[in-house]
Amino acid sequence: MRLYAEGISDFKPWSGAVSTWDELETYDKIEELESNLDELYPDGMSETDLNDLLWFEPELVYEWVGLYYNENTGEVSVEPFDEDEEDQNEDMEDDENE
């Protein structure tokens, strides 16, 4: 089934996919995702397949649309995260766990 034949803007995600969808909407990336899906899945996909992609592969989805994901903090950004800042966050977490 080709879910996005009419577009995915009316798609309603559920469970863990909601937060990824919300980030895509925040950064106005739904159309870009749709374009990528059209190219990567020319035969289409089901709503469940799209939901699973958003839920279990958010980093990949963000990469497709030009967003950056910080796996340490769960933050999403249009700008790459500063590696030094990530290292500092990891060091702080290590100190808290000791």
PDB file of N, CA and C in Angstrom:
ATOM      1  N   MET A   1       0.837  -1.183   0.000  1.00  0.00           N
ATOM      2  CA  MET A   1       0.000   0.000   0.000  1.00  0.00           C
ATOM      3  C   MET A   1       0.878   1.241   0.000  1.00  0.00           C
ATOM      4  N   ARG A   2       0.602   2.144  -0.879  1.00  0.00           N
ATOM      5  CA  ARG A   2       1.393   3.366  -0.960  1.00  0.00           C
ATOM      6  C   ARG A   2       0.756   4.439  -0.087  1.00  0.00           C
ATOM      7  N   LEU A   3       1.226   4.528   1.115  1.00  0.00           N
ATOM      8  CA  LEU A   3       0.660   5.430   2.111  1.00  0.00           C
ATOM      9  C   LEU A   3       0.690   6.880   1.655  1.00  0.00           C
ATOM     10  N   TYR A   4       1.777   7.282   1.066  1.00  0.00           N
ATOM     11  CA  TYR A   4       1.958   8.697   0.804  1.00  0.00           C
ATOM     12  C   TYR A   4       1.552   9.113  -0.609  1.00  0.00           C
ATOM     13  N   ALA A   5       0.657   8.375  -1.250  1.00  0.00           N
ATOM     14  CA  ALA A   5       0.165   8.770  -2.570  1.00  0.00           C
ATOM     15  C   ALA A   5      -0.501  10.144  -2.513  1.00  0.00           C
ATOM     16  N   GLU A   6      -1.236  10.407  -1.440  1.00  0.00           N
ATOM     17  CA  GLU A   6      -1.866  11.711  -1.262  1.00  0.00           C
ATOM     18  C   GLU A   6      -1.028  12.607  -0.355  1.00  0.00           C
ATOM     19  N   GLY A   7       0.091  12.127   0.101  1.00  0.00           N
ATOM     20  CA  GLY A   7       0.937  12.882   1.009  1.00  0.00           C
ATOM     21  C   GLY A   7       0.847  12.336   2.423  1.00  0.00           C
ATOM     22  N   ILE A   8       1.838  12.651   3.215  1.00  0.00           N
ATOM     23  CA  ILE A   8       1.878  12.134   4.589  1.00  0.00           C
ATOM     24  C   ILE A   8       1.528  13.195   5.621  1.00  0.00           C
ATOM     25  N   SER A   9       1.166  14.387   5.172  1.00  0.00           N
ATOM     26  CA  SER A   9       0.914  15.471   6.128  1.00  0.00           C
ATOM     27  C   SER A   9      -0.237  15.165   7.085  1.00  0.00           C
ATOM     28  N   ASP A  10      -1.167  14.302   6.688  1.00  0.00           N
ATOM     29  CA  ASP A  10      -2.285  13.953   7.562  1.00  0.00           C
ATOM     30  C   ASP A  10      -2.030  12.688   8.375  1.00  0.00           C
ATOM     31  N   PHE A  11      -0.841  12.127   8.243  1.00  0.00           N
ATOM     32  CA  PHE A  11      -0.494  10.915   8.990  1.00  0.00           C
ATOM     33  C   PHE A  11      -0.554  11.202  10.488  1.00  0.00           C
ATOM     34  N   LYS A  12      -1.097  10.281  11.243  1.00  0.00           N
ATOM     35  CA  LYS A  12      -1.191  10.405  12.705  1.00  0.00           C
ATOM     36  C   LYS A  12      -0.354   9.296  13.342  1.00  0.00           C
ATOM     37  N   PRO A  13       0.852   9.619  13.788  1.00  0.00           N
ATOM     38  CA  PRO A  13       1.711   8.602  14.408  1.00  0.00           C
ATOM     39  C   PRO A  13       1.175   8.190  15.775  1.00  0.00           C
ATOM     40  N   TRP A  14       1.673   7.058  16.269  1.00  0.00           N
ATOM     41  CA  TRP A  14       1.273   6.590  17.590  1.00  0.00           C
ATOM     42  C   TRP A  14       2.500   6.078  18.333  1.00  0.00           C
ATOM     43  N   SER A  15       2.352   5.941  19.609  1.00  0.00           N
ATOM     44  CA  SER A  15       3.390   5.438  20.526  1.00  0.00           C
ATOM     45  C   SER A  15       4.690   6.202  20.357  1.00  0.00           C
ATOM     46  N   GLY A  16       5.797   5.491  20.220  1.00  0.00           N
ATOM     47  CA  GLY A  16       7.117   6.115  20.190  1.00  0.00           C
ATOM     48  C   GLY A  16       7.405   6.955  18.963  1.00  0.00           C
ATOM     49  N   ALA A  17       6.569   6.858  17.937  1.00  0.00           N
ATOM     50  CA  ALA A  17       6.789   7.638  16.714  1.00  0.00           C
ATOM     51  C   ALA A  17       6.333   9.088  16.858  1.00  0.00           C
ATOM     52  N   VAL A  18       5.523   9.368  17.851  1.00  0.00           N
ATOM     53  CA  VAL A  18       4.948  10.705  18.014  1.00  0.00           C
ATOM     54  C   VAL A  18       6.036  11.755  18.207  1.00  0.00           C
ATOM     55  N   SER A  19       7.018  11.474  19.038  1.00  0.00           N
ATOM     56  CA  SER A  19       8.052  12.488  19.307  1.00  0.00           C
ATOM     57  C   SER A  19       8.879  12.783  18.059  1.00  0.00           C
ATOM     58  N   THR A  20       9.189  11.776  17.263  1.00  0.00           N
ATOM     59  CA  THR A  20       9.931  12.009  16.024  1.00  0.00           C
ATOM     60  C   THR A  20       9.096  12.864  15.074  1.00  0.00           C
ATOM     61  N   TRP A  21       7.821  12.523  14.924  1.00  0.00           N
ATOM     62  CA  TRP A  21       6.919  13.290  14.056  1.00  0.00           C
ATOM     63  C   TRP A  21       6.826  14.736  14.530  1.00  0.00           C
ATOM     64  N   ASP A  22       6.710  14.935  15.836  1.00  0.00           N
ATOM     65  CA  ASP A  22       6.624  16.294  16.386  1.00  0.00           C
ATOM     66  C   ASP A  22       7.864  17.107  16.043  1.00  0.00           C
ATOM     67  N   GLU A  23       9.028  16.483  16.144  1.00  0.00           N
ATOM     68  CA  GLU A  23      10.271  17.191  15.791  1.00  0.00           C
ATOM     69  C   GLU A  23      10.281  17.548  14.306  1.00  0.00           C
ATOM     70  N   LEU A  24       9.840  16.627  13.465  1.00  0.00           N
ATOM     71  CA  LEU A  24       9.786  16.905  12.028  1.00  0.00           C
ATOM     72  C   LEU A  24       8.835  18.069  11.734  1.00  0.00           C
ATOM     73  N   GLU A  25       7.723  18.115  12.422  1.00  0.00           N
ATOM     74  CA  GLU A  25       6.793  19.235  12.253  1.00  0.00           C
ATOM     75  C   GLU A  25       7.399  20.535  12.767  1.00  0.00           C
ATOM     76  N   THR A  26       8.078  20.472  13.903  1.00  0.00           N
ATOM     77  CA  THR A  26       8.709  21.661  14.478  1.00  0.00           C
ATOM     78  C   THR A  26       9.686  22.300  13.500  1.00  0.00           C
ATOM     79  N   TYR A  27      10.463  21.460  12.824  1.00  0.00           N
ATOM     80  CA  TYR A  27      11.477  21.958  11.895  1.00  0.00           C
ATOM     81  C   TYR A  27      10.976  22.008  10.452  1.00  0.00           C
ATOM     82  N   ASP A  28       9.656  21.843  10.255  1.00  0.00           N
ATOM     83  CA  ASP A  28       9.038  21.928   8.929  1.00  0.00           C
ATOM     84  C   ASP A  28       9.715  20.980   7.932  1.00  0.00           C
ATOM     85  N   LYS A  29       9.846  19.716   8.335  1.00  0.00           N
ATOM     86  CA  LYS A  29      10.557  18.725   7.523  1.00  0.00           C
ATOM     87  C   LYS A  29       9.656  17.603   6.995  1.00  0.00           C
ATOM     88  N   ILE A  30       8.336  17.742   7.136  1.00  0.00           N
ATOM     89  CA  ILE A  30       7.432  16.685   6.693  1.00  0.00           C
ATOM     90  C   ILE A  30       7.518  16.502   5.174  1.00  0.00           C
ATOM     91  N   GLU A  31       7.482  17.589   4.419  1.00  0.00           N
ATOM     92  CA  GLU A  31       7.564  17.486   2.957  1.00  0.00           C
ATOM     93  C   GLU A  31       8.887  16.884   2.518  1.00  0.00           C
ATOM     94  N   GLU A  32       9.962  17.241   3.196  1.00  0.00           N
ATOM     95  CA  GLU A  32      11.275  16.681   2.852  1.00  0.00           C
ATOM     96  C   GLU A  32      11.310  15.184   3.143  1.00  0.00           C
ATOM     97  N   LEU A  33      10.714  14.781   4.257  1.00  0.00           N
ATOM     98  CA  LEU A  33      10.624  13.352   4.555  1.00  0.00           C
ATOM     99  C   LEU A  33       9.826  12.644   3.471  1.00  0.00           C
ATOM    100  N   GLU A  34       8.706  13.233   3.092  1.00  0.00           N
ATOM    101  CA  GLU A  34       7.874  12.626   2.058  1.00  0.00           C
ATOM    102  C   GLU A  34       8.658  12.448   0.759  1.00  0.00           C
ATOM    103  N   SER A  35       9.430  13.429   0.397  1.00  0.00           N
ATOM    104  CA  SER A  35      10.253  13.339  -0.809  1.00  0.00           C
ATOM    105  C   SER A  35      11.254  12.187  -0.713  1.00  0.00           C
ATOM    106  N   ASN A  36      11.882  12.061   0.449  1.00  0.00           N
ATOM    107  CA  ASN A  36      12.830  10.971   0.673  1.00  0.00           C
ATOM    108  C   ASN A  36      12.134   9.613   0.612  1.00  0.00           C
ATOM    109  N   LEU A  37      10.973   9.511   1.227  1.00  0.00           N
ATOM    110  CA  LEU A  37      10.233   8.250   1.219  1.00  0.00           C
ATOM    111  C   LEU A  37       9.834   7.869  -0.198  1.00  0.00           C
ATOM    112  N   ASP A  38       9.434   8.844  -0.974  1.00  0.00           N
ATOM    113  CA  ASP A  38       9.041   8.596  -2.359  1.00  0.00           C
ATOM    114  C   ASP A  38      10.202   8.003  -3.153  1.00  0.00           C
ATOM    115  N   GLU A  39      11.394   8.509  -2.884  1.00  0.00           N
ATOM    116  CA  GLU A  39      12.591   8.026  -3.580  1.00  0.00           C
ATOM    117  C   GLU A  39      13.050   6.671  -3.035  1.00  0.00           C
ATOM    118  N   LEU A  40      13.053   6.526  -1.725  1.00  0.00           N
ATOM    119  CA  LEU A  40      13.576   5.311  -1.099  1.00  0.00           C
ATOM    120  C   LEU A  40      12.602   4.143  -1.126  1.00  0.00           C
ATOM    121  N   TYR A  41      11.316   4.445  -1.133  1.00  0.00           N
ATOM    122  CA  TYR A  41      10.277   3.412  -1.118  1.00  0.00           C
ATOM    123  C   TYR A  41       9.299   3.665  -2.271  1.00  0.00           C
ATOM    124  N   PRO A  42       9.746   3.472  -3.507  1.00  0.00           N
ATOM    125  CA  PRO A  42       8.895   3.797  -4.662  1.00  0.00           C
ATOM    126  C   PRO A  42       7.588   3.004  -4.710  1.00  0.00           C
ATOM    127  N   ASP A  43       7.555   1.841  -4.077  1.00  0.00           N
ATOM    128  CA  ASP A  43       6.326   1.050  -4.031  1.00  0.00           C
ATOM    129  C   ASP A  43       5.445   1.427  -2.850  1.00  0.00           C
ATOM    130  N   GLY A  44       5.897   2.383  -2.059  1.00  0.00           N
ATOM    131  CA  GLY A  44       5.132   2.855  -0.916  1.00  0.00           C
ATOM    132  C   GLY A  44       5.380   2.036   0.334  1.00  0.00           C
ATOM    133  N   MET A  45       4.669   2.386   1.364  1.00  0.00           N
ATOM    134  CA  MET A  45       4.771   1.692   2.645  1.00  0.00           C
ATOM    135  C   MET A  45       3.454   1.860   3.386  1.00  0.00           C
ATOM    136  N   SER A  46       3.222   0.987   4.316  1.00  0.00           N
ATOM    137  CA  SER A  46       2.003   1.065   5.113  1.00  0.00           C
ATOM    138  C   SER A  46       2.168   2.091   6.230  1.00  0.00           C
ATOM    139  N   GLU A  47       1.059   2.451   6.852  1.00  0.00           N
ATOM    140  CA  GLU A  47       1.121   3.356   7.999  1.00  0.00           C
ATOM    141  C   GLU A  47       1.957   2.740   9.109  1.00  0.00           C
ATOM    142  N   THR A  48       1.820   1.435   9.300  1.00  0.00           N
ATOM    143  CA  THR A  48       2.594   0.756  10.343  1.00  0.00           C
ATOM    144  C   THR A  48       4.077   0.821  10.035  1.00  0.00           C
ATOM    145  N   ASP A  49       4.452   0.629   8.760  1.00  0.00           N
ATOM    146  CA  ASP A  49       5.864   0.715   8.379  1.00  0.00           C
ATOM    147  C   ASP A  49       6.416   2.116   8.631  1.00  0.00           C
ATOM    148  N   LEU A  50       5.642   3.133   8.275  1.00  0.00           N
ATOM    149  CA  LEU A  50       6.080   4.508   8.519  1.00  0.00           C
ATOM    150  C   LEU A  50       6.197   4.767  10.012  1.00  0.00           C
ATOM    151  N   ASN A  51       5.220   4.339  10.765  1.00  0.00           N
ATOM    152  CA  ASN A  51       5.259   4.539  12.208  1.00  0.00           C
ATOM    153  C   ASN A  51       6.483   3.859  12.822  1.00  0.00           C
ATOM    154  N   ASP A  52       6.746   2.621  12.393  1.00  0.00           N
ATOM    155  CA  ASP A  52       7.915   1.895  12.904  1.00  0.00           C
ATOM    156  C   ASP A  52       9.214   2.599  12.543  1.00  0.00           C
ATOM    157  N   LEU A  53       9.289   3.132  11.337  1.00  0.00           N
ATOM    158  CA  LEU A  53      10.479   3.869  10.916  1.00  0.00           C
ATOM    159  C   LEU A  53      10.705   5.077  11.823  1.00  0.00           C
ATOM    160  N   LEU A  54       9.646   5.824  12.075  1.00  0.00           N
ATOM    161  CA  LEU A  54       9.751   7.001  12.940  1.00  0.00           C
ATOM    162  C   LEU A  54      10.075   6.619  14.378  1.00  0.00           C
ATOM    163  N   TRP A  55       9.540   5.505  14.831  1.00  0.00           N
ATOM    164  CA  TRP A  55       9.707   5.079  16.209  1.00  0.00           C
ATOM    165  C   TRP A  55      11.090   4.481  16.456  1.00  0.00           C
ATOM    166  N   PHE A  56      11.507   3.572  15.589  1.00  0.00           N
ATOM    167  CA  PHE A  56      12.720   2.798  15.853  1.00  0.00           C
ATOM    168  C   PHE A  56      13.965   3.295  15.127  1.00  0.00           C
ATOM    169  N   GLU A  57      13.806   4.198  14.173  1.00  0.00           N
ATOM    170  CA  GLU A  57      14.946   4.718  13.410  1.00  0.00           C
ATOM    171  C   GLU A  57      14.942   6.251  13.327  1.00  0.00           C
ATOM    172  N   PRO A  58      14.710   6.935  14.439  1.00  0.00           N
ATOM    173  CA  PRO A  58      14.615   8.398  14.344  1.00  0.00           C
ATOM    174  C   PRO A  58      15.900   9.062  13.863  1.00  0.00           C
ATOM    175  N   GLU A  59      17.050   8.527  14.271  1.00  0.00           N
ATOM    176  CA  GLU A  59      18.314   9.129  13.851  1.00  0.00           C
ATOM    177  C   GLU A  59      18.449   9.095  12.334  1.00  0.00           C
ATOM    178  N   LEU A  60      18.050   7.999  11.721  1.00  0.00           N
ATOM    179  CA  LEU A  60      18.102   7.844  10.272  1.00  0.00           C
ATOM    180  C   LEU A  60      17.146   8.826   9.598  1.00  0.00           C
ATOM    181  N   VAL A  61      15.947   8.926  10.118  1.00  0.00           N
ATOM    182  CA  VAL A  61      14.954   9.851   9.565  1.00  0.00           C
ATOM    183  C   VAL A  61      15.471  11.285   9.659  1.00  0.00           C
ATOM    184  N   TYR A  62      16.030  11.656  10.799  1.00  0.00           N
ATOM    185  CA  TYR A  62      16.575  13.006  10.962  1.00  0.00           C
ATOM    186  C   TYR A  62      17.704  13.259   9.967  1.00  0.00           C
ATOM    187  N   GLU A  63      18.547  12.263   9.773  1.00  0.00           N
ATOM    188  CA  GLU A  63      19.648  12.395   8.818  1.00  0.00           C
ATOM    189  C   GLU A  63      19.108  12.652   7.406  1.00  0.00           C
ATOM    190  N   TRP A  64      18.070  11.926   7.016  1.00  0.00           N
ATOM    191  CA  TRP A  64      17.480  12.091   5.680  1.00  0.00           C
ATOM    192  C   TRP A  64      17.007  13.509   5.429  1.00  0.00           C
ATOM    193  N   VAL A  65      16.540  14.181   6.462  1.00  0.00           N
ATOM    194  CA  VAL A  65      15.957  15.518   6.287  1.00  0.00           C
ATOM    195  C   VAL A  65      16.897  16.639   6.723  1.00  0.00           C
ATOM    196  N   GLY A  66      18.136  16.301   7.023  1.00  0.00           N
ATOM    197  CA  GLY A  66      19.123  17.323   7.352  1.00  0.00           C
ATOM    198  C   GLY A  66      19.090  17.822   8.775  1.00  0.00           C
ATOM    199  N   LEU A  67      18.570  17.009   9.680  1.00  0.00           N
ATOM    200  CA  LEU A  67      18.585  17.376  11.093  1.00  0.00           C
ATOM    201  C   LEU A  67      19.658  16.569  11.819  1.00  0.00           C
ATOM    202  N   TYR A  68      20.061  17.069  12.951  1.00  0.00           N
ATOM    203  CA  TYR A  68      21.072  16.406  13.768  1.00  0.00           C
ATOM    204  C   TYR A  68      20.434  15.945  15.074  1.00  0.00           C
ATOM    205  N   TYR A  69      20.846  14.771  15.518  1.00  0.00           N
ATOM    206  CA  TYR A  69      20.293  14.175  16.732  1.00  0.00           C
ATOM    207  C   TYR A  69      21.411  13.912  17.719  1.00  0.00           C
ATOM    208  N   ASN A  70      21.244  14.372  18.944  1.00  0.00           N
ATOM    209  CA  ASN A  70      22.210  14.117  20.002  1.00  0.00           C
ATOM    210  C   ASN A  70      21.682  12.941  20.823  1.00  0.00           C
ATOM    211  N   GLU A  71      22.299  11.787  20.647  1.00  0.00           N
ATOM    212  CA  GLU A  71      21.790  10.596  21.336  1.00  0.00           C
ATOM    213  C   GLU A  71      21.985  10.659  22.842  1.00  0.00           C
ATOM    214  N   ASN A  72      22.890  11.510  23.321  1.00  0.00           N
ATOM    215  CA  ASN A  72      23.098  11.644  24.768  1.00  0.00           C
ATOM    216  C   ASN A  72      21.966  12.417  25.443  1.00  0.00           C
ATOM    217  N   THR A  73      21.442  13.414  24.732  1.00  0.00           N
ATOM    218  CA  THR A  73      20.427  14.273  25.336  1.00  0.00           C
ATOM    219  C   THR A  73      19.046  14.114  24.705  1.00  0.00           C
ATOM    220  N   GLY A  74      18.994  13.499  23.536  1.00  0.00           N
ATOM    221  CA  GLY A  74      17.732  13.369  22.820  1.00  0.00           C
ATOM    222  C   GLY A  74      17.332  14.636  22.077  1.00  0.00           C
ATOM    223  N   GLU A  75      18.228  15.623  22.038  1.00  0.00           N
ATOM    224  CA  GLU A  75      17.928  16.880  21.364  1.00  0.00           C
ATOM    225  C   GLU A  75      18.065  16.729  19.848  1.00  0.00           C
ATOM    226  N   VAL A  76      17.283  17.528  19.140  1.00  0.00           N
ATOM    227  CA  VAL A  76      17.327  17.593  17.688  1.00  0.00           C
ATOM    228  C   VAL A  76      17.630  19.033  17.308  1.00  0.00           C
ATOM    229  N   SER A  77      18.445  19.213  16.256  1.00  0.00           N
ATOM    230  CA  SER A  77      18.845  20.553  15.865  1.00  0.00           C
ATOM    231  C   SER A  77      19.095  20.620  14.363  1.00  0.00           C
ATOM    232  N   VAL A  78      19.028  21.827  13.819  1.00  0.00           N
ATOM    233  CA  VAL A  78      19.403  22.037  12.424  1.00  0.00           C
ATOM    234  C   VAL A  78      20.909  22.228  12.296  1.00  0.00           C
ATOM    235  N   GLU A  79      21.569  22.451  13.409  1.00  0.00           N
ATOM    236  CA  GLU A  79      23.022  22.639  13.444  1.00  0.00           C
ATOM    237  C   GLU A  79      23.675  21.426  14.103  1.00  0.00           C
ATOM    238  N   PRO A  80      24.856  21.049  13.624  1.00  0.00           N
ATOM    239  CA  PRO A  80      25.563  19.947  14.299  1.00  0.00           C
ATOM    240  C   PRO A  80      25.836  20.297  15.753  1.00  0.00           C
ATOM    241  N   PHE A  81      25.839  19.293  16.589  1.00  0.00           N
ATOM    242  CA  PHE A  81      26.151  19.502  17.995  1.00  0.00           C
ATOM    243  C   PHE A  81      27.652  19.588  18.169  1.00  0.00           C
ATOM    244  N   ASP A  82      28.067  20.447  19.084  1.00  0.00           N
ATOM    245  CA  ASP A  82      29.482  20.625  19.392  1.00  0.00           C
ATOM    246  C   ASP A  82      29.988  19.373  20.094  1.00  0.00           C
ATOM    247  N   GLU A  83      30.985  18.723  19.516  1.00  0.00           N
ATOM    248  CA  GLU A  83      31.507  17.488  20.108  1.00  0.00           C
ATOM    249  C   GLU A  83      32.069  17.723  21.494  1.00  0.00           C
ATOM    250  N   ASP A  84      32.690  18.881  21.721  1.00  0.00           N
ATOM    251  CA  ASP A  84      33.224  19.183  23.046  1.00  0.00           C
ATOM    252  C   ASP A  84      32.101  19.245  24.071  1.00  0.00           C
ATOM    253  N   GLU A  85      30.976  19.820  23.677  1.00  0.00           N
ATOM    254  CA  GLU A  85      29.826  19.906  24.569  1.00  0.00           C
ATOM    255  C   GLU A  85      29.305  18.508  24.886  1.00  0.00           C
ATOM    256  N   GLU A  86      29.264  17.632  23.880  1.00  0.00           N
ATOM    257  CA  GLU A  86      28.814  16.259  24.110  1.00  0.00           C
ATOM    258  C   GLU A  86      29.765  15.537  25.055  1.00  0.00           C
ATOM    259  N   ASP A  87      31.066  15.735  24.854  1.00  0.00           N
ATOM    260  CA  ASP A  87      32.055  15.096  25.734  1.00  0.00           C
ATOM    261  C   ASP A  87      31.892  15.585  27.166  1.00  0.00           C
ATOM    262  N   GLN A  88      31.623  16.892  27.343  1.00  0.00           N
ATOM    263  CA  GLN A  88      31.422  17.432  28.679  1.00  0.00           C
ATOM    264  C   GLN A  88      30.190  16.824  29.327  1.00  0.00           C
ATOM    265  N   ASN A  89      29.114  16.673  28.550  1.00  0.00           N
ATOM    266  CA  ASN A  89      27.894  16.061  29.084  1.00  0.00           C
ATOM    267  C   ASN A  89      28.160  14.624  29.511  1.00  0.00           C
ATOM    268  N   GLU A  90      28.930  13.872  28.720  1.00  0.00           N
ATOM    269  CA  GLU A  90      29.254  12.492  29.071  1.00  0.00           C
ATOM    270  C   GLU A  90      30.098  12.453  30.338  1.00  0.00           C
ATOM    271  N   ASP A  91      31.071  13.382  30.451  1.00  0.00           N
ATOM    272  CA  ASP A  91      31.921  13.438  31.638  1.00  0.00           C
ATOM    273  C   ASP A  91      31.082  13.741  32.884  1.00  0.00           C
ATOM    274  N   MET A  92      30.122  14.653  32.755  1.00  0.00           N
ATOM    275  CA  MET A  92      29.268  15.001  33.884  1.00  0.00           C
ATOM    276  C   MET A  92      28.416  13.803  34.295  1.00  0.00           C
ATOM    277  N   GLU A  93      27.906  13.054  33.306  1.00  0.00           N
ATOM    278  CA  GLU A  93      27.108  11.874  33.607  1.00  0.00           C
ATOM    279  C   GLU A  93      27.967  10.811  34.297  1.00  0.00           C
ATOM    280  N   ASP A  94      29.212  10.647  33.845  1.00  0.00           N
ATOM    281  CA  ASP A  94      30.123   9.681  34.469  1.00  0.00           C
ATOM    282  C   ASP A  94      30.394  10.059  35.916  1.00  0.00           C
ATOM    283  N   ASP A  95      30.594  11.364  36.166  1.00  0.00           N
ATOM    284  CA  ASP A  95      30.853  11.835  37.530  1.00  0.00           C
ATOM    285  C   ASP A  95      29.645  11.571  38.438  1.00  0.00           C
ATOM    286  N   GLU A  96      28.439  11.756  37.900  1.00  0.00           N
ATOM    287  CA  GLU A  96      27.239  11.542  38.683  1.00  0.00           C
ATOM    288  C   GLU A  96      27.049  10.068  39.028  1.00  0.00           C
ATOM    289  N   ASN A  97      27.522   9.191  38.176  1.00  0.00           N
ATOM    290  CA  ASN A  97      27.347   7.759  38.385  1.00  0.00           C
ATOM    291  C   ASN A  97      28.379   7.152  39.330  1.00  0.00           C
ATOM    292  N   GLU A  98      29.390   7.915  39.664  1.00  0.00           N
ATOM    293  CA  GLU A  98      30.459   7.388  40.536  1.00  0.00           C
ATOM    294  C   GLU A  98      30.089   7.483  41.978  1.00  0.00           C
TER     295      GLU A  98
END
